[in-house]
Structures are given as structure tokens and as C-alpha cells.
N, C-alpha and C. Protein backbone atom coordinates (compact mmCIF):
# COMPACT_ATOMS: atom_id res chain seq x y z
N MET A 1 21.97 56.66 18.51
CA MET A 1 20.59 56.71 18.41
C MET A 1 20.38 55.48 17.49
N GLY A 2 19.07 54.69 17.70
CA GLY A 2 19.01 53.53 16.96
C GLY A 2 18.11 54.01 15.54
N ASN A 3 18.29 52.89 14.84
CA ASN A 3 17.34 53.16 13.52
C ASN A 3 16.05 53.26 13.69
N ARG A 4 15.65 52.69 14.84
CA ARG A 4 13.91 52.90 15.06
C ARG A 4 13.64 54.31 15.50
N THR A 5 14.60 54.89 16.28
CA THR A 5 14.29 56.28 16.67
C THR A 5 14.30 57.34 15.44
N ILE A 6 15.31 57.05 14.85
CA ILE A 6 15.69 57.87 13.66
C ILE A 6 14.28 57.98 12.59
N ARG A 7 13.89 56.53 12.54
CA ARG A 7 12.51 56.57 11.52
C ARG A 7 11.45 57.07 12.42
N ARG A 8 11.11 57.19 13.46
CA ARG A 8 10.40 57.79 14.27
C ARG A 8 10.43 59.30 14.20
N ILE A 9 11.56 59.85 14.23
CA ILE A 9 11.72 61.26 13.91
C ILE A 9 11.53 61.74 12.64
N GLY A 10 12.02 60.96 11.69
CA GLY A 10 11.79 61.04 10.45
C GLY A 10 10.26 61.25 9.99
N ALA A 11 9.54 60.32 10.50
CA ALA A 11 8.14 60.14 10.20
C ALA A 11 7.32 61.29 10.91
N ALA A 12 7.66 61.67 12.04
CA ALA A 12 7.01 62.78 12.59
C ALA A 12 7.43 64.12 11.85
N MET A 13 8.63 64.38 11.56
CA MET A 13 8.91 65.69 10.77
C MET A 13 7.97 65.43 9.41
N LEU A 14 8.06 64.47 8.42
CA LEU A 14 7.39 64.58 7.29
C LEU A 14 5.68 64.55 7.64
N ALA A 15 5.03 64.34 8.75
CA ALA A 15 3.75 64.37 8.99
C ALA A 15 3.61 66.04 9.45
N THR A 16 4.54 66.50 10.16
CA THR A 16 4.52 68.21 10.45
C THR A 16 4.48 68.80 9.16
N ILE A 17 5.32 68.49 8.33
CA ILE A 17 5.62 69.30 6.95
C ILE A 17 4.30 69.22 6.12
N GLY A 18 3.81 67.99 5.93
CA GLY A 18 2.49 67.62 5.27
C GLY A 18 1.38 68.58 5.72
N LEU A 19 1.24 68.37 7.27
CA LEU A 19 0.01 69.13 7.62
C LEU A 19 0.17 70.60 7.56
N SER A 20 1.32 71.20 7.74
CA SER A 20 1.53 72.56 7.59
C SER A 20 1.15 72.97 6.16
N ALA A 21 1.77 72.21 5.02
CA ALA A 21 1.60 72.53 3.75
C ALA A 21 0.02 72.39 3.39
N ALA A 22 -0.63 71.50 4.06
CA ALA A 22 -2.08 71.43 3.90
C ALA A 22 -2.89 72.64 4.31
N ALA A 23 -2.33 72.97 5.46
CA ALA A 23 -3.23 74.09 6.22
C ALA A 23 -2.75 75.46 5.30
N ALA A 24 -1.59 75.59 4.76
CA ALA A 24 -1.15 76.82 3.93
C ALA A 24 -1.79 77.06 2.83
N THR A 25 -1.96 75.87 2.07
CA THR A 25 -2.77 75.73 0.93
C THR A 25 -4.24 75.61 0.95
N GLY A 26 -4.84 75.72 2.12
CA GLY A 26 -6.17 75.48 2.32
C GLY A 26 -6.63 74.09 2.29
N GLY A 27 -5.77 73.30 2.49
CA GLY A 27 -6.32 71.79 2.22
C GLY A 27 -7.09 71.12 3.36
N GLY A 28 -7.43 71.93 4.28
CA GLY A 28 -8.34 71.44 5.32
C GLY A 28 -9.74 70.91 4.89
N ALA A 29 -10.21 71.84 3.77
CA ALA A 29 -11.82 71.40 3.38
C ALA A 29 -11.39 70.09 2.67
N VAL A 30 -10.51 69.52 2.10
CA VAL A 30 -10.35 68.15 1.58
C VAL A 30 -10.62 67.15 2.59
N ALA A 31 -10.34 67.32 3.70
CA ALA A 31 -10.26 66.27 4.78
C ALA A 31 -11.71 65.99 4.94
N ASN A 32 -12.76 67.00 4.78
CA ASN A 32 -14.06 66.99 4.98
C ASN A 32 -15.02 66.31 3.87
N ALA A 33 -14.22 66.33 2.49
CA ALA A 33 -14.95 65.86 1.28
C ALA A 33 -15.31 64.60 1.60
N GLU A 34 -16.37 63.95 0.91
CA GLU A 34 -16.76 62.79 0.75
C GLU A 34 -16.34 62.38 -0.41
N PRO A 35 -15.98 60.98 -0.77
CA PRO A 35 -15.68 60.23 -1.89
C PRO A 35 -16.48 60.42 -3.12
N THR A 36 -16.16 60.26 -4.35
CA THR A 36 -16.96 60.24 -5.36
C THR A 36 -17.61 58.99 -5.65
N SER A 37 -17.00 57.68 -5.10
CA SER A 37 -17.87 56.41 -5.28
C SER A 37 -17.62 55.69 -4.16
N THR A 38 -18.61 54.54 -3.80
CA THR A 38 -18.45 53.74 -2.81
C THR A 38 -19.08 52.38 -3.19
N THR A 39 -18.70 51.18 -2.68
CA THR A 39 -19.25 49.93 -2.93
C THR A 39 -19.62 49.68 -1.47
N MET A 40 -20.92 49.07 -1.35
CA MET A 40 -21.71 48.68 -0.25
C MET A 40 -22.13 47.46 -0.31
N THR A 41 -22.27 46.46 0.82
CA THR A 41 -22.81 45.18 0.71
C THR A 41 -24.12 45.24 1.63
N CYS A 42 -25.12 44.73 1.23
CA CYS A 42 -26.35 44.30 1.99
C CYS A 42 -27.15 43.14 1.82
N SER A 43 -27.49 42.55 2.93
CA SER A 43 -28.13 40.96 2.71
C SER A 43 -29.55 41.14 2.39
N SER A 44 -30.13 39.94 2.00
CA SER A 44 -31.67 39.74 1.67
C SER A 44 -31.99 38.21 2.03
N LEU A 45 -33.07 38.23 2.52
CA LEU A 45 -33.61 36.68 2.47
C LEU A 45 -34.00 36.40 1.12
N ASN A 46 -34.21 35.19 0.70
CA ASN A 46 -34.36 34.99 -0.66
C ASN A 46 -35.91 34.67 -0.74
N PRO A 47 -36.59 35.29 -1.75
CA PRO A 47 -38.03 35.16 -1.87
C PRO A 47 -38.59 33.94 -2.16
N LEU A 48 -37.61 32.95 -2.64
CA LEU A 48 -37.99 31.78 -2.86
C LEU A 48 -37.57 30.67 -1.35
N PHE A 49 -38.70 30.02 -0.96
CA PHE A 49 -38.42 29.44 0.32
C PHE A 49 -37.44 28.23 0.36
N TRP A 50 -37.05 27.83 -0.70
CA TRP A 50 -36.08 26.47 -1.02
C TRP A 50 -34.60 27.34 -1.14
N ALA A 51 -34.39 28.51 -1.29
CA ALA A 51 -33.21 28.84 -1.58
C ALA A 51 -32.73 29.89 -0.48
N PRO A 52 -31.23 29.79 -0.41
CA PRO A 52 -30.68 30.28 0.86
C PRO A 52 -30.70 32.00 0.66
N ALA A 53 -30.65 32.69 1.85
CA ALA A 53 -30.22 34.06 1.72
C ALA A 53 -28.87 34.40 1.06
N PHE A 54 -28.90 35.65 0.47
CA PHE A 54 -27.74 35.99 -0.41
C PHE A 54 -27.25 37.62 -0.27
N THR A 55 -26.35 38.13 -0.68
CA THR A 55 -25.79 39.42 -0.53
C THR A 55 -25.63 40.08 -1.86
N TRP A 56 -26.08 41.30 -1.63
CA TRP A 56 -25.92 42.29 -2.81
C TRP A 56 -24.63 42.94 -2.72
N SER A 57 -23.96 43.29 -3.79
CA SER A 57 -22.93 44.35 -3.65
C SER A 57 -23.29 45.45 -4.72
N VAL A 58 -23.19 46.65 -4.25
CA VAL A 58 -23.72 47.89 -4.81
C VAL A 58 -22.42 49.02 -4.97
N ASN A 59 -22.41 49.41 -6.05
CA ASN A 59 -21.70 50.36 -6.47
C ASN A 59 -22.46 51.72 -6.81
N ALA A 60 -21.93 52.54 -6.19
CA ALA A 60 -22.62 54.05 -6.31
C ALA A 60 -21.40 54.96 -6.47
N SER A 61 -21.68 55.83 -7.61
CA SER A 61 -20.63 56.69 -8.00
C SER A 61 -21.22 57.90 -8.56
N THR A 62 -20.41 59.10 -8.70
CA THR A 62 -20.82 60.36 -9.41
C THR A 62 -20.78 60.22 -10.71
N GLY A 63 -21.45 60.78 -11.49
CA GLY A 63 -21.54 60.52 -12.84
C GLY A 63 -22.38 61.69 -13.75
N ALA A 64 -22.75 61.62 -14.91
CA ALA A 64 -23.38 62.38 -15.71
C ALA A 64 -24.30 61.57 -16.60
N SER A 65 -25.57 61.93 -16.63
CA SER A 65 -26.44 61.29 -17.61
C SER A 65 -27.43 62.09 -18.14
N LEU A 66 -28.32 61.69 -19.11
CA LEU A 66 -29.05 62.44 -19.70
C LEU A 66 -30.66 62.04 -19.17
N PRO A 67 -31.27 62.95 -18.49
CA PRO A 67 -32.66 62.82 -18.07
C PRO A 67 -33.72 62.83 -19.08
N PRO A 68 -34.59 62.03 -18.76
CA PRO A 68 -36.02 61.82 -19.74
C PRO A 68 -36.32 63.05 -20.34
N GLY A 69 -36.28 63.40 -21.51
CA GLY A 69 -36.70 64.38 -22.14
C GLY A 69 -35.55 65.65 -22.08
N GLY A 70 -34.36 65.30 -21.63
CA GLY A 70 -33.34 66.45 -21.57
C GLY A 70 -32.57 66.39 -22.76
N ASP A 71 -31.95 67.46 -23.07
CA ASP A 71 -31.09 67.77 -24.07
C ASP A 71 -29.49 67.62 -23.71
N ARG A 72 -29.40 67.81 -22.26
CA ARG A 72 -27.62 67.72 -22.04
C ARG A 72 -27.64 66.98 -20.82
N LEU A 73 -26.38 66.57 -20.65
CA LEU A 73 -25.90 65.81 -19.60
C LEU A 73 -26.12 66.46 -18.18
N GLU A 74 -26.58 65.75 -17.00
CA GLU A 74 -26.87 66.43 -15.77
C GLU A 74 -26.06 65.52 -15.03
N PRO A 75 -25.36 66.06 -13.71
CA PRO A 75 -24.80 65.33 -12.56
C PRO A 75 -25.97 64.40 -12.16
N SER A 76 -25.36 63.25 -11.77
CA SER A 76 -26.16 62.39 -11.13
C SER A 76 -25.64 61.28 -10.59
N LEU A 77 -26.40 60.32 -9.60
CA LEU A 77 -25.62 59.40 -8.83
C LEU A 77 -26.17 57.98 -9.73
N LEU A 78 -25.10 57.17 -10.08
CA LEU A 78 -25.05 56.12 -10.78
C LEU A 78 -24.96 54.75 -9.86
N LEU A 79 -25.73 54.00 -10.24
CA LEU A 79 -25.69 52.60 -9.32
C LEU A 79 -25.37 51.31 -10.31
N SER A 80 -24.83 50.46 -9.92
CA SER A 80 -24.73 49.21 -10.39
C SER A 80 -24.35 48.19 -9.58
N GLY A 81 -24.32 47.05 -9.94
CA GLY A 81 -24.30 45.80 -8.87
C GLY A 81 -24.40 44.48 -9.35
N ASN A 82 -24.52 43.62 -8.16
CA ASN A 82 -24.78 42.37 -8.62
C ASN A 82 -24.80 41.59 -7.49
N ASN A 83 -24.96 40.26 -7.05
CA ASN A 83 -25.25 39.37 -6.18
C ASN A 83 -24.44 38.17 -6.23
N GLU A 84 -24.63 37.28 -5.36
CA GLU A 84 -23.58 36.09 -5.10
C GLU A 84 -24.80 34.95 -5.57
N LEU A 85 -25.88 35.02 -5.97
CA LEU A 85 -26.52 34.00 -6.45
C LEU A 85 -25.95 33.22 -7.57
N PRO A 86 -25.83 32.03 -7.61
CA PRO A 86 -25.23 31.23 -8.76
C PRO A 86 -25.79 31.61 -10.15
N ALA A 87 -24.97 31.59 -10.99
CA ALA A 87 -25.44 31.85 -12.53
C ALA A 87 -26.02 30.78 -13.00
N PRO A 88 -27.07 30.88 -13.86
CA PRO A 88 -27.88 29.84 -14.14
C PRO A 88 -26.93 29.01 -15.24
N PRO A 89 -27.23 27.74 -15.34
CA PRO A 89 -26.42 27.02 -16.21
C PRO A 89 -26.27 27.22 -17.72
N GLY A 90 -25.40 27.04 -18.59
CA GLY A 90 -25.67 27.21 -19.91
C GLY A 90 -26.42 26.31 -20.37
N GLY A 91 -26.65 26.00 -21.96
CA GLY A 91 -27.34 25.12 -22.49
C GLY A 91 -28.34 25.65 -23.43
N LEU A 92 -28.83 24.70 -24.22
CA LEU A 92 -29.76 25.16 -25.16
C LEU A 92 -31.16 25.59 -24.58
N PHE A 93 -31.45 25.31 -23.34
CA PHE A 93 -32.62 25.90 -22.80
C PHE A 93 -32.54 26.38 -21.36
N PRO A 94 -31.49 27.29 -21.29
CA PRO A 94 -31.27 27.72 -20.00
C PRO A 94 -32.32 28.38 -19.12
N ALA A 95 -33.34 28.77 -19.73
CA ALA A 95 -34.31 29.57 -18.95
C ALA A 95 -35.30 28.50 -18.22
N LEU A 96 -35.10 27.20 -18.51
CA LEU A 96 -35.87 26.02 -17.72
C LEU A 96 -35.15 25.97 -16.40
N GLY A 97 -36.07 25.95 -15.35
CA GLY A 97 -35.69 25.77 -13.87
C GLY A 97 -36.90 26.47 -12.98
N VAL A 98 -36.49 26.40 -11.80
CA VAL A 98 -37.40 26.87 -10.63
C VAL A 98 -36.86 28.10 -10.06
N ASN A 99 -35.83 28.45 -10.27
CA ASN A 99 -35.47 29.68 -9.57
C ASN A 99 -35.60 30.96 -10.56
N TRP A 100 -36.64 31.76 -10.52
CA TRP A 100 -37.09 32.65 -10.89
C TRP A 100 -36.89 33.93 -10.23
N TYR A 101 -36.40 35.09 -10.73
CA TYR A 101 -36.65 36.23 -9.93
C TYR A 101 -37.03 37.46 -10.44
N GLY A 102 -37.39 38.52 -9.91
CA GLY A 102 -37.64 39.90 -10.32
C GLY A 102 -37.27 40.86 -9.33
N ASN A 103 -36.92 42.00 -9.86
CA ASN A 103 -36.37 42.97 -8.78
C ASN A 103 -36.68 44.49 -9.27
N ARG A 104 -36.53 45.52 -8.36
CA ARG A 104 -36.51 46.70 -8.67
C ARG A 104 -35.71 47.52 -7.53
N VAL A 105 -34.97 48.64 -7.96
CA VAL A 105 -34.42 49.41 -6.82
C VAL A 105 -34.97 50.73 -6.53
N LEU A 106 -34.93 51.00 -5.36
CA LEU A 106 -35.56 52.37 -4.92
C LEU A 106 -34.41 53.07 -4.13
N VAL A 107 -34.12 54.35 -4.55
CA VAL A 107 -33.17 55.09 -4.08
C VAL A 107 -33.86 56.55 -3.61
N ASP A 108 -33.77 56.63 -2.19
CA ASP A 108 -34.05 57.78 -1.12
C ASP A 108 -32.89 58.59 -1.22
N TRP A 109 -32.91 59.84 -1.44
CA TRP A 109 -31.59 60.59 -1.41
C TRP A 109 -32.04 61.79 -0.69
N THR A 110 -30.74 62.62 -0.04
CA THR A 110 -31.01 64.05 0.30
C THR A 110 -29.65 64.69 0.01
N ASN A 111 -29.62 65.82 -0.56
CA ASN A 111 -28.51 66.51 -0.78
C ASN A 111 -28.33 67.55 0.26
N ARG A 112 -27.29 67.16 0.82
CA ARG A 112 -26.84 67.90 2.04
C ARG A 112 -26.79 69.56 1.82
N ASP A 113 -26.05 69.89 0.66
CA ASP A 113 -25.56 71.22 0.09
C ASP A 113 -26.88 72.02 -0.17
N THR A 114 -27.93 71.54 -0.98
CA THR A 114 -29.04 72.16 -1.56
C THR A 114 -30.08 71.90 -0.71
N GLY A 115 -30.04 70.64 0.18
CA GLY A 115 -31.34 70.67 1.10
C GLY A 115 -32.44 69.91 0.26
N GLN A 116 -32.34 69.61 -1.06
CA GLN A 116 -33.23 68.83 -1.55
C GLN A 116 -33.13 67.37 -1.50
N SER A 117 -34.29 66.85 -1.65
CA SER A 117 -34.42 65.24 -1.45
C SER A 117 -35.45 64.59 -2.25
N GLY A 118 -35.25 63.33 -2.53
CA GLY A 118 -36.26 62.74 -3.25
C GLY A 118 -36.08 61.32 -3.45
N ARG A 119 -36.82 60.65 -4.19
CA ARG A 119 -36.93 59.17 -4.51
C ARG A 119 -36.64 58.76 -5.95
N SER A 120 -36.03 57.96 -6.39
CA SER A 120 -36.17 57.42 -7.93
C SER A 120 -36.30 55.90 -7.89
N VAL A 121 -37.20 55.53 -8.78
CA VAL A 121 -37.52 54.02 -8.76
C VAL A 121 -36.71 53.54 -10.01
N SER A 122 -36.25 52.40 -10.05
CA SER A 122 -35.44 51.98 -11.45
C SER A 122 -36.37 51.15 -12.14
N ASP A 123 -36.00 50.73 -13.35
CA ASP A 123 -36.70 49.80 -14.37
C ASP A 123 -36.97 48.52 -13.39
N GLU A 124 -38.01 47.63 -13.81
CA GLU A 124 -38.25 46.62 -13.16
C GLU A 124 -37.88 45.15 -13.99
N SER A 125 -37.20 44.34 -13.28
CA SER A 125 -36.82 43.23 -14.01
C SER A 125 -37.89 41.84 -13.69
N ALA A 126 -38.07 40.93 -14.63
CA ALA A 126 -39.00 40.04 -14.07
C ALA A 126 -38.24 38.63 -14.97
N LEU A 127 -38.49 37.59 -14.29
CA LEU A 127 -38.39 36.33 -14.75
C LEU A 127 -37.00 36.25 -15.12
N LEU A 128 -36.02 36.30 -14.27
CA LEU A 128 -34.53 36.35 -14.51
C LEU A 128 -34.10 35.19 -13.37
N GLN A 129 -33.27 34.14 -14.08
CA GLN A 129 -32.50 33.33 -12.99
C GLN A 129 -31.39 34.01 -12.02
N LYS A 130 -30.84 35.11 -12.60
CA LYS A 130 -29.86 35.88 -11.75
C LYS A 130 -30.21 37.20 -11.87
N PRO A 131 -30.68 37.69 -10.90
CA PRO A 131 -31.23 39.11 -11.02
C PRO A 131 -29.88 40.00 -10.75
N SER A 132 -29.94 41.43 -11.24
CA SER A 132 -28.77 42.42 -11.03
C SER A 132 -29.52 43.67 -10.65
N ILE A 133 -28.63 44.77 -10.59
CA ILE A 133 -29.21 46.03 -10.28
C ILE A 133 -29.76 46.57 -11.61
N PRO A 134 -30.93 46.85 -12.03
CA PRO A 134 -31.39 47.48 -12.98
C PRO A 134 -30.76 48.72 -13.34
N VAL A 135 -30.99 49.26 -14.52
CA VAL A 135 -30.42 50.62 -14.76
C VAL A 135 -31.04 51.62 -13.80
N ASN A 136 -29.93 52.46 -13.02
CA ASN A 136 -30.41 53.13 -12.04
C ASN A 136 -29.78 54.68 -12.06
N ARG A 137 -30.44 55.85 -12.53
CA ARG A 137 -29.66 56.97 -12.42
C ARG A 137 -30.64 57.95 -11.75
N THR A 138 -29.93 58.72 -10.81
CA THR A 138 -30.68 59.39 -9.98
C THR A 138 -30.22 60.85 -10.10
N TRP A 139 -30.91 61.76 -10.21
CA TRP A 139 -30.31 63.10 -10.72
C TRP A 139 -30.78 63.99 -9.30
N THR A 140 -29.71 64.20 -8.50
CA THR A 140 -29.68 64.88 -7.37
C THR A 140 -29.14 66.22 -7.14
N GLY A 141 -28.43 66.50 -8.22
CA GLY A 141 -27.71 67.88 -8.21
C GLY A 141 -26.48 67.58 -7.65
N VAL A 142 -25.74 68.71 -7.92
CA VAL A 142 -24.02 68.69 -7.50
C VAL A 142 -24.12 68.89 -5.94
N GLY A 143 -23.35 68.26 -5.16
CA GLY A 143 -23.04 68.16 -3.70
C GLY A 143 -23.03 66.94 -3.10
N VAL A 144 -22.97 66.99 -1.73
CA VAL A 144 -22.68 65.84 -0.96
C VAL A 144 -24.31 65.22 -0.60
N VAL A 145 -24.37 64.02 -1.18
CA VAL A 145 -25.48 63.25 -1.20
C VAL A 145 -25.54 61.97 -0.37
N ASP A 146 -26.47 61.96 0.70
CA ASP A 146 -26.78 60.73 1.53
C ASP A 146 -27.69 59.86 1.06
N PHE A 147 -27.76 58.66 0.83
CA PHE A 147 -28.70 57.93 0.00
C PHE A 147 -28.99 56.58 0.78
N THR A 148 -30.08 56.15 0.38
CA THR A 148 -30.37 54.67 1.12
C THR A 148 -31.01 54.11 -0.50
N VAL A 149 -30.29 52.89 -0.57
CA VAL A 149 -30.76 51.93 -1.58
C VAL A 149 -31.28 50.93 -1.12
N THR A 150 -32.73 50.47 -1.55
CA THR A 150 -33.36 49.21 -1.14
C THR A 150 -33.69 48.36 -2.49
N ILE A 151 -33.36 47.36 -2.46
CA ILE A 151 -33.29 46.36 -3.66
C ILE A 151 -34.47 45.60 -3.11
N GLN A 152 -35.51 45.31 -4.20
CA GLN A 152 -36.61 44.65 -3.91
C GLN A 152 -36.74 43.41 -4.85
N THR A 153 -36.48 42.37 -4.02
CA THR A 153 -36.32 40.98 -5.00
C THR A 153 -37.55 40.09 -4.72
N GLY A 154 -38.01 39.79 -5.71
CA GLY A 154 -39.29 38.84 -5.54
C GLY A 154 -39.41 37.47 -6.38
N GLY A 155 -39.95 36.69 -6.11
CA GLY A 155 -39.98 35.12 -7.06
C GLY A 155 -40.85 35.34 -8.31
N GLY A 156 -39.97 35.50 -9.18
CA GLY A 156 -40.41 35.89 -10.35
C GLY A 156 -40.61 37.28 -10.86
N TRP A 157 -41.38 37.96 -10.06
CA TRP A 157 -41.59 39.54 -10.33
C TRP A 157 -41.33 40.09 -8.71
N TRP A 158 -40.79 41.35 -8.76
CA TRP A 158 -40.24 41.93 -7.63
C TRP A 158 -41.31 41.96 -6.45
N PHE A 159 -42.74 41.87 -6.90
CA PHE A 159 -43.68 42.10 -5.84
C PHE A 159 -44.05 40.74 -5.26
N VAL A 160 -43.56 39.50 -5.56
CA VAL A 160 -44.04 38.16 -5.28
C VAL A 160 -43.20 37.86 -4.04
N ASN A 161 -43.64 37.93 -2.76
CA ASN A 161 -42.99 37.71 -1.76
C ASN A 161 -41.51 38.49 -1.70
N ALA A 162 -41.61 39.80 -1.91
CA ALA A 162 -40.46 40.62 -1.93
C ALA A 162 -39.99 40.65 -0.55
N GLN A 163 -38.49 40.68 -0.96
CA GLN A 163 -37.46 40.90 0.46
C GLN A 163 -36.66 42.04 -0.05
N ASN A 164 -36.24 42.60 0.98
CA ASN A 164 -35.65 43.93 0.80
C ASN A 164 -34.12 43.80 1.26
N ALA A 165 -33.14 44.49 0.59
CA ALA A 165 -31.95 44.46 0.90
C ALA A 165 -31.76 45.79 0.99
N VAL A 166 -31.30 46.48 2.32
CA VAL A 166 -30.95 48.11 2.28
C VAL A 166 -29.42 48.29 2.55
N CYS A 167 -29.07 49.26 1.69
CA CYS A 167 -27.66 49.69 1.86
C CYS A 167 -27.73 51.41 1.94
N ARG A 168 -26.87 51.94 2.87
CA ARG A 168 -26.63 53.36 2.69
C ARG A 168 -25.43 53.75 2.42
N GLY A 169 -25.27 55.10 2.05
CA GLY A 169 -24.06 55.46 1.66
C GLY A 169 -24.12 56.91 1.59
N THR A 170 -22.85 57.63 1.43
CA THR A 170 -22.46 59.17 1.05
C THR A 170 -21.74 59.17 -0.08
N VAL A 171 -21.90 60.01 -0.98
CA VAL A 171 -20.94 60.22 -2.10
C VAL A 171 -21.01 61.80 -2.43
N SER A 172 -19.83 62.36 -2.99
CA SER A 172 -19.94 63.81 -3.52
C SER A 172 -20.45 63.53 -5.11
N ILE A 173 -21.49 64.35 -5.33
CA ILE A 173 -21.91 64.35 -6.84
C ILE A 173 -21.22 65.69 -7.61
N LEU A 174 -20.29 65.29 -8.58
CA LEU A 174 -19.53 66.40 -8.91
C LEU A 174 -20.14 67.04 -10.24
N PRO A 175 -19.79 68.29 -10.70
CA PRO A 175 -20.62 68.97 -11.89
C PRO A 175 -20.40 67.99 -13.09
N ALA A 176 -21.21 68.00 -14.11
CA ALA A 176 -21.30 67.13 -15.35
C ALA A 176 -20.15 67.85 -16.20
């Protein structure tokens, strides 16, 4: 028997042992679990007609945050992210320039386990030379959550020639 055959037999035996152990301990449910975080990319036209299109990178993860008026942390979907637009130059007057952006983020979600769904709207940003994902927390409850993130980017303010970048994902929201 050659080394290659021995390796194949060994790999098959390890796979069989692993699957048997997972089945015996109830590990079958783990195979269907969604991740607790994901990174997505989505593209957008530039609201400034002279500037090129760009791509957003969005991180979504399970977390816990304090809802408005709340007194305890609750399970939530947390977003963060950035884009590939160039950073404005440093200097004494870095705000001078022609590339101004504003944006906001919409999150439409459905919790598969509870059947609940909703929409959250982020804070709005304006007059930035390099927009990012504004603070966004979405209270979805515990369970597997399907969501759509729509990043609206406009010239100066989010609503001026707004261009949408749309990302979709699924994460498991864990108890706080």
C-alpha cells in the first residue's frame, strides 16, 4: 500500500468517527446554525456625477445594546462598516473641497424563529468627505435573522441624488 492510499483510508476513518460523534451528541443541529457575524460587500453609484462608483464593506454581528429609554441590554443586530472612497487630505482646512457626502442606513429584518419583522433607520450624517456606516443597532430578538441593509448615500445630504447600496445577510442573534 502506498502512502497516498494510507492517507485516504485515515482521512475516511477520521471523517466517519467525527460524524458518528456529532450524531451521538446531537451535533446535527449545529450544522444548521447560522453564523453570529458576517461581512458583506455591496456597490453603489456615486451621487457626485464626477466621482467613480464605490463599494461598501458592511460588518453585521450579534450583540447587546441599550434600547432608547431602556434600563437593560437587549439582544440586537449591530452594524459597522466603511467604503473604499479616498480619505480626505489632512491639513489646516481639510473640510475644503468638492466631495461632500451624507448617508443613512435602513435595515429591514425578519426573525425566522419568532416571525417578527421590522425596519430600523440609522442616524443621518451630512457634509462628510468620507462617509461611513452611522451608528446602527436593530433590536430583533433572539433567533436567526434575515436582513437587508440599504445604504443611502447622497451629495452633501443623504437625500440629494441618493444612490443605494444593498447588502443581504443572515446571522444568529444570541441572548444578551
